[in-house]
C-alpha atoms as a PDB file:
ATOM      1  CA  MET A   1       0.586  -8.558  18.469  1.00  0.00           C
ATOM      2  CA  ALA A   2       1.971  -5.072  19.168  1.00  0.00           C
ATOM      3  CA  LYS A   3       1.566  -2.489  16.447  1.00  0.00           C
ATOM      4  CA  GLU A   4       5.075  -1.094  16.229  1.00  0.00           C
ATOM      5  CA  ALA A   5       5.533  -0.249  12.543  1.00  0.00           C
ATOM      6  CA  THR A   6       4.061   2.500  10.402  1.00  0.00           C
ATOM      7  CA  LEU A   7       3.173   2.217   6.729  1.00  0.00           C
ATOM      8  CA  GLN A   8       2.700   5.333   4.627  1.00  0.00           C
ATOM      9  CA  VAL A   9       0.978   5.037   1.261  1.00  0.00           C
ATOM     10  CA  ARG A  10       0.407   7.818  -1.237  1.00  0.00           C
ATOM     11  CA  MET A  11      -2.836   7.698  -3.181  1.00  0.00           C
ATOM     12  CA  ASP A  12      -5.371   9.939  -4.833  1.00  0.00           C
ATOM     13  CA  ALA A  13      -7.324  11.848  -2.172  1.00  0.00           C
ATOM     14  CA  ASP A  14     -10.671  10.989  -3.773  1.00  0.00           C
ATOM     15  CA  LEU A  15      -9.811   7.274  -3.825  1.00  0.00           C
ATOM     16  CA  LYS A  16      -8.810   7.450  -0.142  1.00  0.00           C
ATOM     17  CA  GLU A  17     -12.099   9.145   0.780  1.00  0.00           C
ATOM     18  CA  GLN A  18     -14.097   6.543  -1.156  1.00  0.00           C
ATOM     19  CA  ALA A  19     -12.215   3.664   0.469  1.00  0.00           C
ATOM     20  CA  GLU A  20     -12.614   5.191   3.940  1.00  0.00           C
ATOM     21  CA  ALA A  21     -16.344   5.618   3.363  1.00  0.00           C
ATOM     22  CA  LEU A  22     -16.651   2.027   2.128  1.00  0.00           C
ATOM     23  CA  TYR A  23     -14.854   0.541   5.106  1.00  0.00           C
ATOM     24  CA  ARG A  24     -16.687   2.827   7.554  1.00  0.00           C
ATOM     25  CA  GLU A  25     -19.973   1.440   6.153  1.00  0.00           C
ATOM     26  CA  MET A  26     -18.563  -2.045   6.754  1.00  0.00           C
ATOM     27  CA  GLY A  27     -17.815  -1.158  10.372  1.00  0.00           C
ATOM     28  CA  THR A  28     -14.046  -0.955  10.055  1.00  0.00           C
ATOM     29  CA  SER A  29     -11.362   1.427   8.858  1.00  0.00           C
ATOM     30  CA  LEU A  30      -9.056   1.736   5.878  1.00  0.00           C
ATOM     31  CA  ALA A  31      -6.095   1.083   8.191  1.00  0.00           C
ATOM     32  CA  GLU A  32      -7.694  -2.128   9.456  1.00  0.00           C
ATOM     33  CA  ALA A  33      -8.461  -3.180   5.873  1.00  0.00           C
ATOM     34  CA  VAL A  34      -4.769  -2.756   5.023  1.00  0.00           C
ATOM     35  CA  ARG A  35      -3.805  -4.891   8.048  1.00  0.00           C
ATOM     36  CA  ILE A  36      -6.320  -7.555   6.941  1.00  0.00           C
ATOM     37  CA  PHE A  37      -4.894  -7.459   3.409  1.00  0.00           C
ATOM     38  CA  ALA A  38      -1.330  -7.891   4.717  1.00  0.00           C
ATOM     39  CA  LYS A  39      -2.284 -10.752   7.040  1.00  0.00           C
ATOM     40  CA  GLN A  40      -4.214 -12.559   4.307  1.00  0.00           C
ATOM     41  CA  SER A  41      -1.298 -12.053   1.880  1.00  0.00           C
ATOM     42  CA  VAL A  42       1.049 -13.749   4.351  1.00  0.00           C
ATOM     43  CA  GLN A  43      -1.417 -16.611   4.870  1.00  0.00           C
ATOM     44  CA  GLU A  44      -1.812 -17.075   1.113  1.00  0.00           C
ATOM     45  CA  ASN A  45       1.909 -16.539   0.490  1.00  0.00           C
ATOM     46  CA  GLY A  46       0.933 -14.067  -2.225  1.00  0.00           C
ATOM     47  CA  MET A  47      -1.853 -11.739  -3.239  1.00  0.00           C
ATOM     48  CA  PRO A  48      -5.120 -12.733  -1.554  1.00  0.00           C
ATOM     49  CA  PHE A  49      -6.901 -12.565  -4.893  1.00  0.00           C
ATOM     50  CA  VAL A  50      -6.193 -13.802  -8.405  1.00  0.00           C
ATOM     51  CA  MET A  51      -4.146 -11.445 -10.551  1.00  0.00           C
ATOM     52  CA  THR A  52      -3.724 -11.858 -14.252  1.00  0.00           C
ATOM     53  CA  ALA A  53      -1.276 -10.141 -16.549  1.00  0.00           C
ATOM     54  CA  ASN A  54      -2.227  -8.294 -19.682  1.00  0.00           C
ATOM     55  CA  ARG A  55       0.600  -9.378 -21.967  1.00  0.00           C
ATOM     56  CA  LYS A  56       0.322  -6.120 -23.936  1.00  0.00           C
ATOM     57  CA  ASN A  57       1.409  -4.101 -20.924  1.00  0.00           C
ATOM     58  CA  THR A  58       4.461  -4.631 -18.738  1.00  0.00           C
ATOM     59  CA  TYR A  59       2.551  -3.632 -15.618  1.00  0.00           C
ATOM     60  CA  GLY A  60      -0.487  -5.762 -16.427  1.00  0.00           C
ATOM     61  CA  ARG A  61      -4.018  -4.912 -15.400  1.00  0.00           C
ATOM     62  CA  LEU A  62      -3.022  -3.116 -12.214  1.00  0.00           C
ATOM     63  CA  SER A  63      -1.217  -0.430 -14.233  1.00  0.00           C
ATOM     64  CA  LYS A  64      -4.431   1.553 -14.636  1.00  0.00           C
ATOM     65  CA  TYR A  65      -4.273   2.217 -10.887  1.00  0.00           C
ATOM     66  CA  ALA A  66      -0.578   3.112 -10.793  1.00  0.00           C
ATOM     67  CA  ASP A  67       0.627   6.687 -10.593  1.00  0.00           C
ATOM     68  CA  MET A  68       3.991   6.690 -12.329  1.00  0.00           C
ATOM     69  CA  GLY A  69       4.885  10.071 -10.809  1.00  0.00           C
ATOM     70  CA  LEU A  70       4.506   8.620  -7.328  1.00  0.00           C
ATOM     71  CA  ARG A  71       6.537   5.546  -8.274  1.00  0.00           C
ATOM     72  CA  GLU A  72       9.464   7.819  -9.117  1.00  0.00           C
ATOM     73  CA  GLN A  73       8.987   9.890  -5.917  1.00  0.00           C
ATOM     74  CA  GLU A  74       8.794   6.809  -3.732  1.00  0.00           C
ATOM     75  CA  ALA A  75      11.845   5.066  -5.191  1.00  0.00           C
ATOM     76  CA  GLY A  76      14.335   4.690  -2.355  1.00  0.00           C
ATOM     77  CA  ALA A  77      11.923   6.133   0.249  1.00  0.00           C
ATOM     78  CA  MET A  78      12.581   3.357   2.749  1.00  0.00           C
ATOM     79  CA  GLU A  79      16.339   3.805   2.530  1.00  0.00           C
ATOM     80  CA  ARG A  80      16.017   7.582   2.928  1.00  0.00           C
ATOM     81  CA  ALA A  81      13.771   7.135   5.975  1.00  0.00           C
ATOM     82  CA  LEU A  82      16.253   4.760   7.616  1.00  0.00           C
ATOM     83  CA  VAL A  83      19.146   7.133   7.011  1.00  0.00           C
ATOM     84  CA  GLU A  84      17.112  10.039   8.358  1.00  0.00           C
ATOM     85  CA  LYS A  85      16.111   8.025  11.443  1.00  0.00           C
ATOM     86  CA  HIS A  86      19.707   7.094  12.233  1.00  0.00           C
ATOM     87  CA  GLU A  87      20.990  10.625  11.601  1.00  0.00           C
ATOM     88  CA  LYS A  88      18.529  11.912  14.235  1.00  0.00           C
ATOM     89  CA  THR A  89      19.828   9.458  16.838  1.00  0.00           C
ATOM     90  CA  ASP A  90      23.492  10.372  16.325  1.00  0.00           C
END
């Protein structure tokens, strides 16, 4: 399958370095791990691992990993990128 799409993800630099080191030790890359995650998600028709919700928190257990500042920055990012792409071609 041709790789024709790009995914950009913002994350803490230290977390990225740790993940890259982990996957390098496993003989792969962070990018390949993301592709594996996406493929497995499609196969499972959902998250490829069990998620549970902490009823005390709207965002559940994953909220401890969320950066609310980035959520606000990234809101509408896809739409902005599409508009920008089409403005360049006009």
